[in-house]
């Protein structure tokens, strides 16, 4: 973003722009989305768009970051509101459940999520969103569950995050009767990775 909004009106404008981009991404490819389409759907002047964003790519990047923060906020609420399972495996299932629900409920989340690529276009090479997410999840889980294995903690969480995202994207592309197979496999692989941290050697 060119600058962050400091007043409520500016924040509402930015939110409308990002929401419009999310809606368009559900119906169009990246190359078919224009700033004109975004501002028309958002109901804001083109000048307001360029006041906050230099181009459409920056809006998509803002959407990806917002999706990541929304996801992590929901996950953190599990840890802080007494709703988290007592075992790490069940807790992982809850965290994955949040992710899968957002794919259905949150516009645009299924298109950009935490990937730094969209339809072959790099969003921001300076920000590794997988690493940011993995670090937050690592801190939450290690702060709650005892580390009893010898797997490298940060690397393992990063591998698990990227593996999960890739497998869930695949689940969206396969035939409906194959989706459960992909999700079961993803669950097995993620649990095996994290067992190296939380299960005794």
N, C-alpha and C. Protein backbone atom coordinates (compact mmCIF):
# COMPACT_ATOMS: atom_id res chain seq x y z
N UNK A 1 0.83 -1.19 0.00
CA UNK A 1 0.00 0.00 0.00
C UNK A 1 0.86 1.24 0.00
N UNK A 2 0.37 2.29 -0.66
CA UNK A 2 1.10 3.56 -0.67
C UNK A 2 1.12 4.18 0.72
N UNK A 3 0.00 4.11 1.42
CA UNK A 3 -0.06 4.60 2.79
C UNK A 3 -1.21 3.93 3.51
N UNK A 4 -1.12 3.90 4.83
CA UNK A 4 -2.16 3.32 5.64
C UNK A 4 -3.22 4.38 5.96
N UNK A 5 -4.50 4.01 5.95
CA UNK A 5 -5.53 4.98 6.30
C UNK A 5 -5.45 5.34 7.78
N UNK A 6 -5.66 6.60 8.10
CA UNK A 6 -5.59 7.05 9.49
C UNK A 6 -6.97 7.40 10.04
N UNK A 7 -7.96 7.53 9.17
CA UNK A 7 -9.31 7.85 9.60
C UNK A 7 -10.25 6.72 9.22
N UNK A 8 -11.41 6.69 9.88
CA UNK A 8 -12.38 5.62 9.65
C UNK A 8 -12.84 5.59 8.19
N UNK A 9 -13.01 6.77 7.61
CA UNK A 9 -13.46 6.82 6.22
C UNK A 9 -12.44 6.20 5.28
N UNK A 10 -11.16 6.49 5.52
CA UNK A 10 -10.11 5.90 4.70
C UNK A 10 -10.04 4.39 4.87
N UNK A 11 -10.20 3.93 6.11
CA UNK A 11 -10.19 2.49 6.37
C UNK A 11 -11.34 1.80 5.66
N UNK A 12 -12.50 2.47 5.63
CA UNK A 12 -13.66 1.90 4.94
C UNK A 12 -13.42 1.82 3.44
N UNK A 13 -12.73 2.82 2.89
CA UNK A 13 -12.41 2.83 1.46
C UNK A 13 -11.47 1.68 1.12
N UNK A 14 -10.43 1.50 1.92
CA UNK A 14 -9.47 0.42 1.69
C UNK A 14 -10.17 -0.93 1.80
N UNK A 15 -11.02 -1.07 2.81
CA UNK A 15 -11.74 -2.33 2.98
C UNK A 15 -12.65 -2.62 1.79
N UNK A 16 -13.32 -1.58 1.28
CA UNK A 16 -14.20 -1.77 0.12
C UNK A 16 -13.41 -2.19 -1.11
N UNK A 17 -12.23 -1.63 -1.30
CA UNK A 17 -11.38 -1.98 -2.44
C UNK A 17 -10.92 -3.42 -2.35
N UNK A 18 -10.45 -3.82 -1.17
CA UNK A 18 -9.96 -5.19 -0.99
C UNK A 18 -11.12 -6.18 -1.10
N UNK A 19 -12.28 -5.83 -0.54
CA UNK A 19 -13.45 -6.71 -0.65
C UNK A 19 -13.86 -6.90 -2.11
N UNK A 20 -13.82 -5.81 -2.87
CA UNK A 20 -14.18 -5.90 -4.29
C UNK A 20 -13.21 -6.80 -5.04
N UNK A 21 -11.94 -6.67 -4.73
CA UNK A 21 -10.93 -7.52 -5.37
C UNK A 21 -11.18 -8.99 -5.03
N UNK A 22 -11.53 -9.27 -3.77
CA UNK A 22 -11.81 -10.64 -3.35
C UNK A 22 -12.98 -11.22 -4.14
N UNK A 23 -14.03 -10.43 -4.30
CA UNK A 23 -15.20 -10.89 -5.04
C UNK A 23 -14.86 -11.16 -6.50
N UNK A 24 -14.09 -10.28 -7.10
CA UNK A 24 -13.71 -10.46 -8.51
C UNK A 24 -12.83 -11.68 -8.71
N UNK A 25 -11.98 -11.97 -7.76
CA UNK A 25 -11.09 -13.12 -7.88
C UNK A 25 -11.86 -14.44 -7.87
N UNK A 26 -13.05 -14.42 -7.30
CA UNK A 26 -13.86 -15.63 -7.30
C UNK A 26 -14.45 -15.92 -8.68
N UNK A 27 -14.50 -14.88 -9.54
CA UNK A 27 -15.16 -15.03 -10.84
C UNK A 27 -14.24 -14.85 -12.04
N UNK A 28 -13.07 -14.22 -11.83
CA UNK A 28 -12.20 -13.88 -12.95
C UNK A 28 -10.76 -14.31 -12.67
N UNK A 29 -9.99 -14.51 -13.73
CA UNK A 29 -8.56 -14.70 -13.60
C UNK A 29 -7.90 -13.37 -13.29
N UNK A 30 -6.69 -13.47 -12.76
CA UNK A 30 -5.96 -12.25 -12.38
C UNK A 30 -5.84 -11.27 -13.53
N UNK A 31 -5.50 -11.76 -14.73
CA UNK A 31 -5.29 -10.87 -15.87
C UNK A 31 -6.57 -10.19 -16.35
N UNK A 32 -7.72 -10.74 -15.98
CA UNK A 32 -9.00 -10.16 -16.40
C UNK A 32 -9.52 -9.10 -15.43
N UNK A 33 -8.84 -8.96 -14.31
CA UNK A 33 -9.25 -7.95 -13.31
C UNK A 33 -8.50 -6.66 -13.57
N UNK A 34 -9.21 -5.56 -13.60
CA UNK A 34 -8.61 -4.25 -13.83
C UNK A 34 -8.94 -3.34 -12.65
N UNK A 35 -8.15 -2.28 -12.52
CA UNK A 35 -8.46 -1.30 -11.47
C UNK A 35 -9.83 -0.70 -11.68
N UNK A 36 -10.23 -0.53 -12.95
CA UNK A 36 -11.56 0.03 -13.24
C UNK A 36 -12.65 -0.88 -12.70
N UNK A 37 -12.48 -2.19 -12.88
CA UNK A 37 -13.47 -3.14 -12.35
C UNK A 37 -13.51 -3.10 -10.83
N UNK A 38 -12.35 -3.00 -10.23
CA UNK A 38 -12.27 -2.98 -8.77
C UNK A 38 -13.00 -1.76 -8.21
N UNK A 39 -12.70 -0.57 -8.75
CA UNK A 39 -13.31 0.64 -8.19
C UNK A 39 -14.80 0.69 -8.49
N UNK A 40 -15.21 0.15 -9.64
CA UNK A 40 -16.64 0.13 -9.95
C UNK A 40 -17.40 -0.72 -8.95
N UNK A 41 -16.88 -1.91 -8.65
CA UNK A 41 -17.54 -2.79 -7.70
C UNK A 41 -17.45 -2.23 -6.28
N UNK A 42 -16.31 -1.60 -5.97
CA UNK A 42 -16.14 -1.04 -4.63
C UNK A 42 -16.97 0.21 -4.41
N UNK A 43 -17.34 0.88 -5.51
CA UNK A 43 -18.11 2.11 -5.40
C UNK A 43 -17.30 3.28 -4.88
N UNK A 44 -16.00 3.32 -5.29
CA UNK A 44 -15.13 4.41 -4.86
C UNK A 44 -14.52 5.08 -6.09
N UNK A 45 -14.15 6.35 -6.00
CA UNK A 45 -13.51 7.03 -7.13
C UNK A 45 -12.13 6.43 -7.41
N UNK A 46 -11.72 6.52 -8.67
CA UNK A 46 -10.42 5.99 -9.05
C UNK A 46 -9.30 6.69 -8.31
N UNK A 47 -9.51 7.97 -8.01
CA UNK A 47 -8.50 8.71 -7.26
C UNK A 47 -8.30 8.16 -5.86
N UNK A 48 -9.37 7.67 -5.25
CA UNK A 48 -9.26 7.07 -3.92
C UNK A 48 -8.47 5.77 -3.98
N UNK A 49 -8.64 5.03 -5.08
CA UNK A 49 -7.86 3.80 -5.26
C UNK A 49 -6.37 4.12 -5.24
N UNK A 50 -5.97 5.07 -6.09
CA UNK A 50 -4.54 5.37 -6.21
C UNK A 50 -3.99 6.12 -5.01
N UNK A 51 -4.87 6.61 -4.17
CA UNK A 51 -4.42 7.24 -2.93
C UNK A 51 -3.80 6.20 -2.00
N UNK A 52 -4.31 4.96 -2.10
CA UNK A 52 -3.85 3.91 -1.19
C UNK A 52 -3.08 2.79 -1.88
N UNK A 53 -3.37 2.54 -3.16
CA UNK A 53 -2.74 1.41 -3.86
C UNK A 53 -2.13 1.87 -5.18
N UNK A 54 -0.91 1.41 -5.49
CA UNK A 54 -0.30 1.79 -6.77
C UNK A 54 -0.84 1.00 -7.96
N UNK A 55 -1.35 -0.21 -7.72
CA UNK A 55 -1.82 -1.07 -8.81
C UNK A 55 -2.65 -2.20 -8.24
N UNK A 56 -3.20 -3.03 -9.13
CA UNK A 56 -4.06 -4.12 -8.67
C UNK A 56 -3.27 -5.19 -7.92
N UNK A 57 -2.02 -5.36 -8.28
CA UNK A 57 -1.21 -6.38 -7.61
C UNK A 57 -1.08 -6.08 -6.12
N UNK A 58 -0.95 -4.81 -5.80
CA UNK A 58 -0.83 -4.44 -4.39
C UNK A 58 -2.13 -4.71 -3.64
N UNK A 59 -3.26 -4.63 -4.33
CA UNK A 59 -4.54 -4.95 -3.70
C UNK A 59 -4.62 -6.45 -3.42
N UNK A 60 -4.19 -7.26 -4.38
CA UNK A 60 -4.20 -8.71 -4.19
C UNK A 60 -3.27 -9.09 -3.04
N UNK A 61 -2.14 -8.42 -2.96
CA UNK A 61 -1.22 -8.70 -1.86
C UNK A 61 -1.85 -8.32 -0.53
N UNK A 62 -2.54 -7.18 -0.48
CA UNK A 62 -3.24 -6.78 0.74
C UNK A 62 -4.31 -7.81 1.11
N UNK A 63 -4.97 -8.36 0.11
CA UNK A 63 -5.98 -9.38 0.35
C UNK A 63 -5.35 -10.65 0.93
N UNK A 64 -4.20 -11.04 0.38
CA UNK A 64 -3.51 -12.22 0.89
C UNK A 64 -3.09 -12.04 2.34
N UNK A 65 -2.56 -10.86 2.66
CA UNK A 65 -2.14 -10.58 4.03
C UNK A 65 -3.34 -10.54 4.96
N UNK A 66 -4.43 -9.95 4.50
CA UNK A 66 -5.64 -9.89 5.33
C UNK A 66 -6.17 -11.29 5.60
N UNK A 67 -6.14 -12.15 4.58
CA UNK A 67 -6.58 -13.53 4.77
C UNK A 67 -5.72 -14.25 5.79
N UNK A 68 -4.41 -14.05 5.72
CA UNK A 68 -3.51 -14.69 6.66
C UNK A 68 -3.78 -14.20 8.08
N UNK A 69 -3.94 -12.89 8.25
CA UNK A 69 -4.19 -12.34 9.58
C UNK A 69 -5.54 -12.79 10.12
N UNK A 70 -6.54 -12.87 9.25
CA UNK A 70 -7.86 -13.34 9.67
C UNK A 70 -7.77 -14.78 10.14
N UNK A 71 -7.09 -15.60 9.36
CA UNK A 71 -6.92 -17.01 9.73
C UNK A 71 -6.21 -17.14 11.08
N UNK A 72 -5.10 -16.44 11.23
CA UNK A 72 -4.33 -16.56 12.47
C UNK A 72 -5.10 -16.00 13.66
N UNK A 73 -5.90 -14.97 13.43
CA UNK A 73 -6.72 -14.42 14.51
C UNK A 73 -7.74 -15.44 15.00
N UNK A 74 -8.34 -16.16 14.05
CA UNK A 74 -9.29 -17.21 14.44
C UNK A 74 -8.61 -18.34 15.17
N UNK A 75 -7.41 -18.70 14.71
CA UNK A 75 -6.66 -19.76 15.38
C UNK A 75 -6.26 -19.33 16.79
N UNK A 76 -5.78 -18.11 16.92
CA UNK A 76 -5.36 -17.61 18.24
C UNK A 76 -6.51 -17.59 19.22
N UNK A 77 -7.72 -17.34 18.71
CA UNK A 77 -8.88 -17.34 19.61
C UNK A 77 -9.12 -18.73 20.19
N UNK A 78 -8.79 -19.78 19.43
CA UNK A 78 -8.90 -21.13 19.97
C UNK A 78 -7.99 -21.31 21.18
N UNK A 79 -6.80 -20.74 21.09
CA UNK A 79 -5.82 -20.89 22.15
C UNK A 79 -6.14 -20.02 23.37
N UNK A 80 -6.78 -18.90 23.15
CA UNK A 80 -6.98 -17.94 24.25
C UNK A 80 -8.37 -17.98 24.88
N UNK A 81 -9.31 -18.63 24.21
CA UNK A 81 -10.69 -18.63 24.72
C UNK A 81 -11.11 -19.97 25.32
N UNK A 82 -10.13 -20.83 25.58
CA UNK A 82 -10.44 -22.09 26.25
C UNK A 82 -11.14 -23.11 25.38
N UNK A 83 -11.02 -22.98 24.07
CA UNK A 83 -11.71 -23.91 23.17
C UNK A 83 -10.76 -24.91 22.52
N UNK A 84 -9.49 -24.87 22.90
CA UNK A 84 -8.50 -25.74 22.26
C UNK A 84 -8.51 -27.12 22.90
N UNK A 85 -8.35 -28.15 22.06
CA UNK A 85 -8.27 -29.52 22.56
C UNK A 85 -7.04 -29.69 23.44
N UNK A 86 -7.08 -30.69 24.30
CA UNK A 86 -5.97 -30.89 25.23
C UNK A 86 -4.79 -31.62 24.59
N UNK A 87 -5.04 -32.38 23.53
CA UNK A 87 -3.96 -33.08 22.83
C UNK A 87 -3.54 -32.34 21.58
N UNK A 88 -2.27 -32.43 21.24
CA UNK A 88 -1.78 -31.64 20.10
C UNK A 88 -2.38 -32.10 18.78
N UNK A 89 -2.63 -33.39 18.64
CA UNK A 89 -3.22 -33.88 17.38
C UNK A 89 -4.63 -33.32 17.17
N UNK A 90 -5.45 -33.34 18.21
CA UNK A 90 -6.79 -32.78 18.09
C UNK A 90 -6.73 -31.27 17.87
N UNK A 91 -5.74 -30.62 18.47
CA UNK A 91 -5.58 -29.19 18.29
C UNK A 91 -5.23 -28.87 16.83
N UNK A 92 -4.38 -29.69 16.23
CA UNK A 92 -4.04 -29.51 14.82
C UNK A 92 -5.29 -29.67 13.96
N UNK A 93 -6.13 -30.64 14.29
CA UNK A 93 -7.37 -30.85 13.55
C UNK A 93 -8.26 -29.60 13.63
N UNK A 94 -8.30 -28.96 14.79
CA UNK A 94 -9.09 -27.74 14.94
C UNK A 94 -8.54 -26.62 14.08
N UNK A 95 -7.21 -26.48 14.07
CA UNK A 95 -6.57 -25.43 13.29
C UNK A 95 -6.80 -25.65 11.79
N UNK A 96 -6.70 -26.89 11.36
CA UNK A 96 -6.98 -27.22 9.96
C UNK A 96 -8.44 -26.96 9.63
N UNK A 97 -9.32 -27.26 10.58
CA UNK A 97 -10.74 -27.02 10.37
C UNK A 97 -11.05 -25.55 10.12
N UNK A 98 -10.36 -24.67 10.84
CA UNK A 98 -10.53 -23.23 10.61
C UNK A 98 -10.14 -22.88 9.18
N UNK A 99 -9.05 -23.42 8.73
CA UNK A 99 -8.53 -23.18 7.39
C UNK A 99 -9.53 -23.63 6.32
N UNK A 100 -10.05 -24.85 6.49
CA UNK A 100 -10.98 -25.40 5.50
C UNK A 100 -12.30 -24.63 5.48
N UNK A 101 -12.77 -24.19 6.63
CA UNK A 101 -14.00 -23.40 6.67
C UNK A 101 -13.82 -22.06 5.97
N UNK A 102 -12.65 -21.47 6.13
CA UNK A 102 -12.39 -20.19 5.48
C UNK A 102 -12.36 -20.32 3.97
N UNK A 103 -11.94 -21.47 3.47
CA UNK A 103 -11.95 -21.69 2.02
C UNK A 103 -13.36 -21.57 1.47
N UNK A 104 -14.34 -21.97 2.28
CA UNK A 104 -15.74 -21.93 1.86
C UNK A 104 -16.37 -20.58 2.16
N UNK A 105 -16.05 -20.01 3.30
CA UNK A 105 -16.78 -18.85 3.82
C UNK A 105 -16.19 -17.50 3.42
N UNK A 106 -14.88 -17.42 3.18
CA UNK A 106 -14.21 -16.13 3.02
C UNK A 106 -13.92 -15.85 1.55
N UNK A 107 -14.56 -14.83 0.95
CA UNK A 107 -14.32 -14.51 -0.46
C UNK A 107 -12.85 -14.22 -0.74
N UNK A 108 -12.33 -14.81 -1.81
CA UNK A 108 -10.96 -14.57 -2.22
C UNK A 108 -9.92 -15.40 -1.50
N UNK A 109 -10.28 -15.97 -0.35
CA UNK A 109 -9.29 -16.73 0.43
C UNK A 109 -8.78 -17.95 -0.33
N UNK A 110 -9.66 -18.59 -1.05
CA UNK A 110 -9.26 -19.77 -1.80
C UNK A 110 -8.37 -19.47 -3.00
N UNK A 111 -8.34 -18.21 -3.45
CA UNK A 111 -7.52 -17.87 -4.60
C UNK A 111 -6.10 -17.47 -4.22
N UNK A 112 -5.92 -16.72 -3.15
CA UNK A 112 -4.58 -16.22 -2.85
C UNK A 112 -3.99 -16.81 -1.59
N UNK A 113 -4.80 -16.97 -0.55
CA UNK A 113 -4.36 -17.53 0.71
C UNK A 113 -2.96 -17.02 1.08
N UNK A 114 -2.03 -17.96 1.34
CA UNK A 114 -0.71 -17.55 1.79
C UNK A 114 0.33 -17.66 0.69
N UNK A 115 -0.09 -17.99 -0.49
CA UNK A 115 0.85 -18.15 -1.59
C UNK A 115 1.40 -16.80 -2.04
N UNK A 116 2.64 -16.79 -2.50
CA UNK A 116 3.20 -15.55 -3.05
C UNK A 116 3.03 -15.50 -4.56
N UNK A 117 2.21 -16.41 -5.10
CA UNK A 117 1.95 -16.41 -6.52
C UNK A 117 0.46 -16.45 -6.77
N UNK A 118 0.01 -15.77 -7.81
CA UNK A 118 -1.38 -15.82 -8.22
C UNK A 118 -1.42 -15.86 -9.74
N UNK A 119 -1.94 -16.95 -10.29
CA UNK A 119 -2.00 -17.10 -11.75
C UNK A 119 -0.64 -16.81 -12.39
N UNK A 120 0.43 -17.25 -11.72
CA UNK A 120 1.77 -17.07 -12.27
C UNK A 120 2.39 -15.71 -12.01
N UNK A 121 1.69 -14.84 -11.28
CA UNK A 121 2.21 -13.50 -11.00
C UNK A 121 2.71 -13.44 -9.56
N UNK A 122 3.95 -13.02 -9.38
CA UNK A 122 4.50 -12.90 -8.03
C UNK A 122 3.92 -11.66 -7.36
N UNK A 123 3.47 -11.85 -6.11
CA UNK A 123 2.86 -10.74 -5.39
C UNK A 123 3.91 -9.85 -4.74
N UNK A 124 4.76 -10.42 -3.92
CA UNK A 124 5.77 -9.62 -3.23
C UNK A 124 6.88 -10.55 -2.78
N UNK A 125 7.98 -10.51 -3.49
CA UNK A 125 9.08 -11.43 -3.20
C UNK A 125 9.73 -11.15 -1.85
N UNK A 126 9.49 -9.97 -1.27
CA UNK A 126 10.13 -9.63 -0.01
C UNK A 126 9.39 -10.21 1.19
N UNK A 127 8.19 -10.74 0.98
CA UNK A 127 7.39 -11.27 2.08
C UNK A 127 7.12 -12.75 1.86
N UNK A 128 7.64 -13.58 2.73
CA UNK A 128 7.36 -15.01 2.67
C UNK A 128 6.22 -15.28 3.64
N UNK A 129 5.01 -15.35 3.10
CA UNK A 129 3.84 -15.46 3.96
C UNK A 129 3.76 -16.82 4.64
N UNK A 130 4.27 -17.86 3.98
CA UNK A 130 4.32 -19.16 4.63
C UNK A 130 5.17 -19.09 5.90
N UNK A 131 6.30 -18.41 5.80
CA UNK A 131 7.19 -18.32 6.95
C UNK A 131 6.54 -17.54 8.08
N UNK A 132 5.85 -16.45 7.74
CA UNK A 132 5.17 -15.66 8.77
C UNK A 132 4.12 -16.50 9.48
N UNK A 133 3.32 -17.21 8.70
CA UNK A 133 2.27 -18.04 9.29
C UNK A 133 2.86 -19.17 10.12
N UNK A 134 3.88 -19.83 9.59
CA UNK A 134 4.50 -20.94 10.30
C UNK A 134 5.08 -20.49 11.64
N UNK A 135 5.67 -19.30 11.67
CA UNK A 135 6.24 -18.78 12.91
C UNK A 135 5.17 -18.56 13.97
N UNK A 136 4.02 -18.01 13.55
CA UNK A 136 2.95 -17.76 14.50
C UNK A 136 2.37 -19.08 15.02
N UNK A 137 2.16 -20.03 14.13
CA UNK A 137 1.64 -21.33 14.55
C UNK A 137 2.63 -22.05 15.45
N UNK A 138 3.90 -21.96 15.10
CA UNK A 138 4.95 -22.57 15.94
C UNK A 138 4.89 -22.01 17.36
N UNK A 139 4.82 -20.70 17.47
CA UNK A 139 4.81 -20.08 18.80
C UNK A 139 3.58 -20.51 19.60
N UNK A 140 2.43 -20.60 18.93
CA UNK A 140 1.21 -21.00 19.63
C UNK A 140 1.30 -22.44 20.14
N UNK A 141 1.74 -23.34 19.26
CA UNK A 141 1.77 -24.76 19.63
C UNK A 141 2.88 -25.06 20.64
N UNK A 142 4.05 -24.50 20.43
CA UNK A 142 5.16 -24.76 21.35
C UNK A 142 4.87 -24.14 22.71
N UNK A 143 4.13 -23.04 22.72
CA UNK A 143 3.76 -22.42 23.98
C UNK A 143 2.72 -23.22 24.75
N UNK A 144 2.00 -24.11 24.08
CA UNK A 144 0.93 -24.87 24.73
C UNK A 144 1.29 -26.34 24.96
N UNK A 145 2.03 -26.94 24.00
CA UNK A 145 2.32 -28.37 24.09
C UNK A 145 3.82 -28.61 24.27
N UNK A 146 4.15 -29.63 25.06
CA UNK A 146 5.55 -29.92 25.35
C UNK A 146 6.26 -30.46 24.12
N UNK A 147 7.48 -29.97 23.92
CA UNK A 147 8.32 -30.46 22.83
C UNK A 147 9.09 -31.67 23.34
N UNK A 148 8.81 -32.83 22.73
CA UNK A 148 9.45 -34.07 23.20
C UNK A 148 10.23 -34.78 22.10
N UNK A 149 10.15 -34.27 20.88
CA UNK A 149 10.88 -34.86 19.78
C UNK A 149 12.14 -34.08 19.46
N UNK A 150 12.82 -34.50 18.40
CA UNK A 150 14.08 -33.84 18.05
C UNK A 150 14.05 -33.22 16.65
N UNK A 151 12.87 -33.11 16.06
CA UNK A 151 12.77 -32.49 14.73
C UNK A 151 13.01 -30.99 14.84
N UNK A 152 13.61 -30.37 13.81
CA UNK A 152 13.82 -28.91 13.83
C UNK A 152 12.48 -28.19 13.84
N UNK A 153 12.21 -27.42 14.87
CA UNK A 153 10.87 -26.89 15.11
C UNK A 153 10.43 -25.91 14.02
N UNK A 154 11.22 -24.87 13.77
CA UNK A 154 10.80 -23.86 12.80
C UNK A 154 10.67 -24.44 11.41
N UNK A 155 11.64 -25.23 11.00
CA UNK A 155 11.60 -25.82 9.67
C UNK A 155 10.41 -26.77 9.52
N UNK A 156 10.13 -27.54 10.54
CA UNK A 156 9.02 -28.50 10.48
C UNK A 156 7.69 -27.78 10.33
N UNK A 157 7.48 -26.71 11.07
CA UNK A 157 6.23 -25.96 10.94
C UNK A 157 6.13 -25.31 9.56
N UNK A 158 7.25 -24.86 9.04
CA UNK A 158 7.21 -24.26 7.70
C UNK A 158 6.89 -25.32 6.65
N UNK A 159 7.48 -26.50 6.76
CA UNK A 159 7.17 -27.58 5.82
C UNK A 159 5.71 -27.99 5.93
N UNK A 160 5.21 -28.07 7.15
CA UNK A 160 3.81 -28.47 7.36
C UNK A 160 2.85 -27.45 6.76
N UNK A 161 3.16 -26.16 6.92
CA UNK A 161 2.30 -25.11 6.38
C UNK A 161 2.25 -25.17 4.86
N UNK A 162 3.40 -25.30 4.23
CA UNK A 162 3.43 -25.33 2.78
C UNK A 162 2.81 -26.62 2.23
N UNK A 163 3.07 -27.74 2.90
CA UNK A 163 2.49 -29.00 2.46
C UNK A 163 0.97 -28.96 2.56
N UNK A 164 0.46 -28.44 3.67
CA UNK A 164 -0.99 -28.36 3.86
C UNK A 164 -1.62 -27.50 2.78
N UNK A 165 -1.05 -26.35 2.51
CA UNK A 165 -1.64 -25.45 1.52
C UNK A 165 -1.65 -26.10 0.14
N UNK A 166 -0.54 -26.75 -0.22
CA UNK A 166 -0.47 -27.41 -1.54
C UNK A 166 -1.49 -28.54 -1.65
N UNK A 167 -1.65 -29.31 -0.59
CA UNK A 167 -2.58 -30.44 -0.62
C UNK A 167 -4.03 -29.95 -0.66
N UNK A 168 -4.32 -28.88 0.06
CA UNK A 168 -5.69 -28.36 0.07
C UNK A 168 -6.04 -27.74 -1.29
N UNK A 169 -5.06 -27.14 -1.94
CA UNK A 169 -5.30 -26.63 -3.30
C UNK A 169 -5.59 -27.79 -4.26
N UNK A 170 -4.84 -28.88 -4.09
CA UNK A 170 -5.07 -30.04 -4.92
C UNK A 170 -6.48 -30.60 -4.68
N UNK A 171 -6.91 -30.61 -3.43
CA UNK A 171 -8.23 -31.13 -3.09
C UNK A 171 -9.34 -30.37 -3.80
N UNK A 172 -9.09 -29.09 -4.08
CA UNK A 172 -10.09 -28.29 -4.78
C UNK A 172 -10.15 -28.61 -6.27
N UNK A 173 -9.07 -29.18 -6.80
CA UNK A 173 -8.99 -29.41 -8.25
C UNK A 173 -9.40 -30.81 -8.68
N UNK A 174 -9.36 -31.78 -7.75
CA UNK A 174 -9.67 -33.16 -8.12
C UNK A 174 -11.18 -33.38 -8.15
N UNK A 175 -11.58 -34.55 -8.61
CA UNK A 175 -13.00 -34.91 -8.64
C UNK A 175 -13.56 -34.97 -7.21
N UNK A 176 -14.84 -34.69 -7.04
CA UNK A 176 -15.42 -34.67 -5.69
C UNK A 176 -15.19 -35.96 -4.90
N UNK A 177 -15.25 -37.12 -5.57
CA UNK A 177 -15.07 -38.37 -4.84
C UNK A 177 -13.60 -38.64 -4.49
N UNK A 178 -12.69 -37.82 -5.03
CA UNK A 178 -11.27 -37.97 -4.71
C UNK A 178 -10.82 -36.99 -3.62
N UNK A 179 -11.66 -36.02 -3.33
CA UNK A 179 -11.27 -34.97 -2.38
C UNK A 179 -10.96 -35.54 -1.00
N UNK A 180 -11.79 -36.48 -0.54
CA UNK A 180 -11.58 -37.06 0.78
C UNK A 180 -10.23 -37.78 0.86
N UNK A 181 -9.82 -38.40 -0.22
CA UNK A 181 -8.53 -39.10 -0.25
C UNK A 181 -7.39 -38.11 -0.07
N UNK A 182 -7.47 -37.00 -0.79
CA UNK A 182 -6.43 -35.97 -0.68
C UNK A 182 -6.38 -35.41 0.73
N UNK A 183 -7.54 -35.11 1.32
CA UNK A 183 -7.58 -34.53 2.65
C UNK A 183 -7.07 -35.51 3.71
N UNK A 184 -7.41 -36.77 3.56
CA UNK A 184 -6.89 -37.78 4.51
C UNK A 184 -5.37 -37.88 4.41
N UNK A 185 -4.86 -37.85 3.18
CA UNK A 185 -3.41 -37.93 2.98
C UNK A 185 -2.73 -36.71 3.57
N UNK A 186 -3.33 -35.54 3.35
CA UNK A 186 -2.77 -34.31 3.93
C UNK A 186 -2.72 -34.40 5.44
N UNK A 187 -3.79 -34.89 6.04
CA UNK A 187 -3.84 -35.04 7.48
C UNK A 187 -2.74 -35.97 7.97
N UNK A 188 -2.56 -37.09 7.28
CA UNK A 188 -1.53 -38.06 7.67
C UNK A 188 -0.13 -37.45 7.59
N UNK A 189 0.14 -36.74 6.50
CA UNK A 189 1.48 -36.17 6.30
C UNK A 189 1.77 -35.08 7.33
N UNK A 190 0.79 -34.20 7.57
CA UNK A 190 0.99 -33.12 8.54
C UNK A 190 1.24 -33.69 9.93
N UNK A 191 0.42 -34.67 10.33
CA UNK A 191 0.58 -35.26 11.66
C UNK A 191 1.94 -35.94 11.80
N UNK A 192 2.38 -36.60 10.75
CA UNK A 192 3.68 -37.28 10.82
C UNK A 192 4.81 -36.27 10.98
N UNK A 193 4.72 -35.15 10.27
CA UNK A 193 5.73 -34.11 10.41
C UNK A 193 5.78 -33.57 11.85
N UNK A 194 4.60 -33.20 12.36
CA UNK A 194 4.55 -32.57 13.68
C UNK A 194 4.82 -33.55 14.81
N UNK A 195 4.61 -34.85 14.54
CA UNK A 195 4.94 -35.86 15.55
C UNK A 195 6.43 -35.84 15.88
N UNK A 196 7.24 -35.45 14.91
CA UNK A 196 8.67 -35.34 15.15
C UNK A 196 9.02 -34.28 16.18
N UNK A 197 8.08 -33.37 16.45
CA UNK A 197 8.27 -32.33 17.45
C UNK A 197 7.64 -32.72 18.78
N UNK A 198 6.39 -33.20 18.72
CA UNK A 198 5.59 -33.34 19.95
C UNK A 198 5.51 -34.75 20.51
N UNK A 199 5.96 -35.76 19.75
CA UNK A 199 5.99 -37.11 20.28
C UNK A 199 7.41 -37.44 20.73
N UNK A 200 7.55 -38.25 21.78
CA UNK A 200 8.90 -38.59 22.25
C UNK A 200 9.65 -39.42 21.22
N UNK A 201 10.94 -39.27 21.21
CA UNK A 201 11.78 -40.00 20.27
C UNK A 201 11.78 -41.48 20.63
